[in-house]
Amino acid sequence: MKKKTKNNLQKLVVTAMLSAVSFVLFLYELPPLVPAISHLKLDLSDIPALFACVAYGPWTGVVIEFIKNLLELIFKGVGTQMGFGNLMNFIVGCAYIVPFALVYRKMKSTKGILLASAAGLLSILVVGVGANYLVTPLFFKFFLKIDLDSTTLWAAIGAATLTNLIKGVMLSVVSVPLIRVLLERLRRYIR
């Protein structure tokens, strides 16, 4: 019983720490790679959530994504996006980390980490298109009082998809070697 309590406490502390790190990384935006879509945010705040997903399971990463976005809303306010950016960040972040963790935890190998990265990248693109198709018109209609025509909607989805592609590639490039090194070194401490 004591070992289970210790493991739960350890998981709670690590989740809190990784949520804080994720929030801090969320505050530091990377300069836009495509100036035409500079309003879409690029950051590396999904890496702590991804690490938690791989170490403890997908739900831990989802909790970190939620806490990160909630903290950003609390500290920065809803702003001009009325929480839309946070909702999309949560959806897209989870779309990358959950498939990544599920594939990696199943295979736990070098090949597995590459397949996990590909699964996360594919998922971030597919889920991003679907979420933008469903949520973007509602945001424009109810908060900006603008009805989007089909051409404008698909242009917005295309810009968001390009951003998600860049973000997915960045996450893969940074997280694949990081996870390999960190998990091997911390394996005996993380249960």
Protein backbone atom coordinates (compact mmCIF):
# COMPACT_ATOMS: atom_id res chain seq x y z
CA MET A 1 0.00 0.00 0.00
CA LYS A 2 2.81 2.44 0.86
CA LYS A 3 4.53 1.81 -2.49
CA LYS A 4 1.32 2.63 -4.40
CA THR A 5 0.85 5.82 -2.39
CA LYS A 6 4.48 6.78 -3.03
CA ASN A 7 4.07 6.15 -6.78
CA ASN A 8 0.85 8.21 -6.87
CA LEU A 9 2.52 11.06 -5.00
CA GLN A 10 5.51 10.89 -7.34
CA LYS A 11 3.21 10.99 -10.37
CA LEU A 12 1.32 13.98 -8.92
CA VAL A 13 4.53 15.92 -8.21
CA VAL A 14 5.98 15.16 -11.65
CA THR A 15 2.69 16.17 -13.30
CA ALA A 16 2.69 19.47 -11.41
CA MET A 17 6.32 20.18 -12.29
CA LEU A 18 5.87 19.31 -15.95
CA SER A 19 2.70 21.44 -16.07
CA ALA A 20 4.69 24.41 -14.77
CA VAL A 21 7.48 23.83 -17.29
CA SER A 22 4.92 23.46 -20.08
CA PHE A 23 3.25 26.74 -19.07
CA VAL A 24 6.57 28.61 -19.06
CA LEU A 25 7.44 27.20 -22.50
CA PHE A 26 3.96 28.23 -23.68
CA LEU A 27 4.71 31.85 -22.76
CA TYR A 28 7.80 31.88 -25.00
CA GLU A 29 6.61 31.95 -28.58
CA LEU A 30 9.00 31.13 -31.37
CA PRO A 31 9.33 33.68 -34.16
CA PRO A 32 6.96 32.90 -37.04
CA LEU A 33 8.51 30.89 -39.84
CA VAL A 34 5.80 32.03 -42.25
CA PRO A 35 5.17 35.79 -41.83
CA ALA A 36 1.73 35.61 -43.47
CA ILE A 37 0.44 33.44 -40.62
CA SER A 38 2.29 35.09 -37.74
CA HIS A 39 -0.93 35.19 -35.67
CA LEU A 40 -0.72 31.41 -35.28
CA LYS A 41 1.50 30.55 -32.33
CA LEU A 42 4.48 28.18 -32.44
CA ASP A 43 5.99 26.94 -29.20
CA LEU A 44 7.55 23.87 -27.63
CA SER A 45 5.16 23.61 -24.68
CA ASP A 46 3.92 20.16 -25.70
CA ILE A 47 7.27 18.50 -24.96
CA PRO A 48 6.75 18.18 -21.17
CA ALA A 49 3.27 16.75 -21.79
CA LEU A 50 4.71 14.33 -24.33
CA PHE A 51 7.35 13.20 -21.87
CA ALA A 52 4.64 12.62 -19.23
CA CYS A 53 2.54 10.67 -21.73
CA VAL A 54 5.42 8.37 -22.51
CA ALA A 55 6.44 7.94 -18.87
CA TYR A 56 3.03 7.69 -17.17
CA GLY A 57 0.43 7.23 -19.89
CA PRO A 58 -1.71 9.41 -22.15
CA TRP A 59 -4.03 10.80 -19.47
CA THR A 60 -1.14 12.44 -17.63
CA GLY A 61 -0.14 14.32 -20.78
CA VAL A 62 -3.74 15.38 -21.41
CA VAL A 63 -3.93 16.76 -17.86
CA ILE A 64 -0.71 18.73 -18.43
CA GLU A 65 -2.07 20.14 -21.71
CA PHE A 66 -5.24 21.20 -19.89
CA ILE A 67 -3.39 22.80 -16.95
CA LYS A 68 -1.01 24.65 -19.29
CA ASN A 69 -3.87 26.18 -21.26
CA LEU A 70 -5.89 26.96 -18.13
CA LEU A 71 -2.89 28.74 -16.56
CA GLU A 72 -2.35 30.74 -19.74
CA LEU A 73 -6.00 31.82 -19.71
CA ILE A 74 -5.76 32.81 -16.05
CA PHE A 75 -2.51 34.77 -16.39
CA LYS A 76 -3.05 36.36 -19.81
CA GLY A 77 -6.85 36.52 -19.90
CA VAL A 78 -9.05 35.49 -22.80
CA GLY A 79 -7.76 38.33 -25.00
CA THR A 80 -8.97 38.84 -28.53
CA GLN A 81 -9.23 35.10 -29.19
CA MET A 82 -11.77 34.54 -26.39
CA GLY A 83 -10.07 31.27 -25.46
CA PHE A 84 -10.24 29.93 -29.02
CA GLY A 85 -6.45 29.72 -29.30
CA ASN A 86 -6.27 27.79 -26.03
CA LEU A 87 -8.98 25.38 -27.14
CA MET A 88 -7.20 24.73 -30.43
CA ASN A 89 -3.83 24.40 -28.68
CA PHE A 90 -5.31 21.84 -26.30
CA ILE A 91 -6.93 19.83 -29.13
CA VAL A 92 -3.86 19.88 -31.37
CA GLY A 93 -1.45 19.22 -28.51
CA CYS A 94 -3.44 16.19 -27.40
CA ALA A 95 -3.71 15.07 -31.02
CA TYR A 96 0.08 14.83 -31.16
CA ILE A 97 1.00 13.49 -27.73
CA VAL A 98 -1.66 10.79 -27.25
CA PRO A 99 -0.99 8.78 -30.46
CA PHE A 100 2.74 9.28 -29.96
CA ALA A 101 2.56 7.84 -26.44
CA LEU A 102 0.26 4.96 -27.39
CA VAL A 103 2.52 3.82 -30.22
CA TYR A 104 5.76 4.32 -28.29
CA ARG A 105 4.50 2.58 -25.14
CA LYS A 106 3.44 -0.39 -27.28
CA MET A 107 6.79 -0.77 -29.07
CA LYS A 108 9.46 0.85 -26.80
CA SER A 109 12.23 0.79 -29.39
CA THR A 110 14.03 3.08 -31.81
CA LYS A 111 11.67 1.97 -34.56
CA GLY A 112 8.78 2.55 -32.16
CA ILE A 113 9.81 6.12 -31.42
CA LEU A 114 10.01 6.91 -35.14
CA LEU A 115 6.60 5.32 -35.78
CA ALA A 116 5.22 7.18 -32.77
CA SER A 117 6.51 10.43 -34.19
CA ALA A 118 4.89 9.69 -37.55
CA ALA A 119 1.59 8.78 -35.82
CA GLY A 120 1.66 12.03 -33.84
CA LEU A 121 2.42 14.08 -36.94
CA LEU A 122 -0.36 12.45 -38.96
CA SER A 123 -2.80 12.86 -36.09
CA ILE A 124 -1.97 16.53 -35.51
CA LEU A 125 -2.71 17.22 -39.18
CA VAL A 126 -5.95 15.25 -39.43
CA VAL A 127 -7.38 16.34 -36.08
CA GLY A 128 -6.24 19.93 -36.70
CA VAL A 129 -8.14 20.11 -40.00
CA GLY A 130 -11.26 18.60 -38.43
CA ALA A 131 -11.15 20.83 -35.35
CA ASN A 132 -10.54 23.95 -37.41
CA TYR A 133 -13.37 23.02 -39.77
CA LEU A 134 -15.78 22.65 -36.84
CA VAL A 135 -14.58 25.34 -34.41
CA THR A 136 -13.33 28.21 -36.61
CA PRO A 137 -16.72 29.10 -38.14
CA LEU A 138 -18.28 29.14 -34.65
CA PHE A 139 -15.56 31.44 -33.31
CA PHE A 140 -15.99 33.89 -36.19
CA LYS A 141 -19.78 33.76 -36.05
CA PHE A 142 -20.33 34.13 -32.31
CA PHE A 143 -17.36 36.25 -31.22
CA LEU A 144 -16.51 38.31 -34.29
CA LYS A 145 -20.02 38.35 -35.82
CA ILE A 146 -18.63 37.31 -39.20
CA ASP A 147 -20.00 34.49 -41.33
CA LEU A 148 -17.11 32.82 -43.11
CA ASP A 149 -17.55 31.82 -46.72
CA SER A 150 -16.11 28.51 -47.87
CA THR A 151 -13.02 30.03 -49.50
CA THR A 152 -12.05 32.04 -46.42
CA LEU A 153 -12.67 29.06 -44.12
CA TRP A 154 -10.44 26.77 -46.18
CA ALA A 155 -7.75 29.46 -46.37
CA ALA A 156 -7.79 29.68 -42.56
CA ILE A 157 -7.70 25.88 -42.29
CA GLY A 158 -4.79 25.76 -44.75
CA ALA A 159 -2.82 28.31 -42.70
CA ALA A 160 -3.54 26.42 -39.48
CA THR A 161 -2.56 23.11 -41.12
CA LEU A 162 0.76 24.57 -42.25
CA THR A 163 1.37 25.77 -38.70
CA ASN A 164 0.43 22.33 -37.32
CA LEU A 165 2.80 20.67 -39.79
CA ILE A 166 5.66 22.94 -38.70
CA LYS A 167 4.79 22.36 -35.04
CA GLY A 168 4.56 18.58 -35.50
CA VAL A 169 7.93 18.42 -37.25
CA MET A 170 9.51 20.64 -34.58
CA LEU A 171 8.09 18.46 -31.81
CA SER A 172 9.37 15.32 -33.50
CA VAL A 173 12.84 16.71 -34.14
CA VAL A 174 13.23 17.94 -30.55
CA SER A 175 11.38 15.24 -28.64
CA VAL A 176 12.59 12.05 -30.32
CA PRO A 177 16.22 12.33 -29.16
CA LEU A 178 15.18 13.97 -25.88
CA ILE A 179 12.82 11.14 -24.97
CA ARG A 180 15.39 8.49 -25.87
CA VAL A 181 18.01 10.08 -23.62
CA LEU A 182 15.79 11.14 -20.72
CA LEU A 183 13.74 7.98 -20.46
CA GLU A 184 16.80 5.77 -20.41
CA ARG A 185 18.41 7.84 -17.67
CA LEU A 186 15.25 8.25 -15.59
CA ARG A 187 13.72 4.81 -16.11
CA ARG A 188 14.67 3.58 -12.62
CA TYR A 189 13.06 6.62 -10.97
CA ILE A 190 9.83 6.70 -12.99
CA ARG A 191 7.31 3.97 -12.35
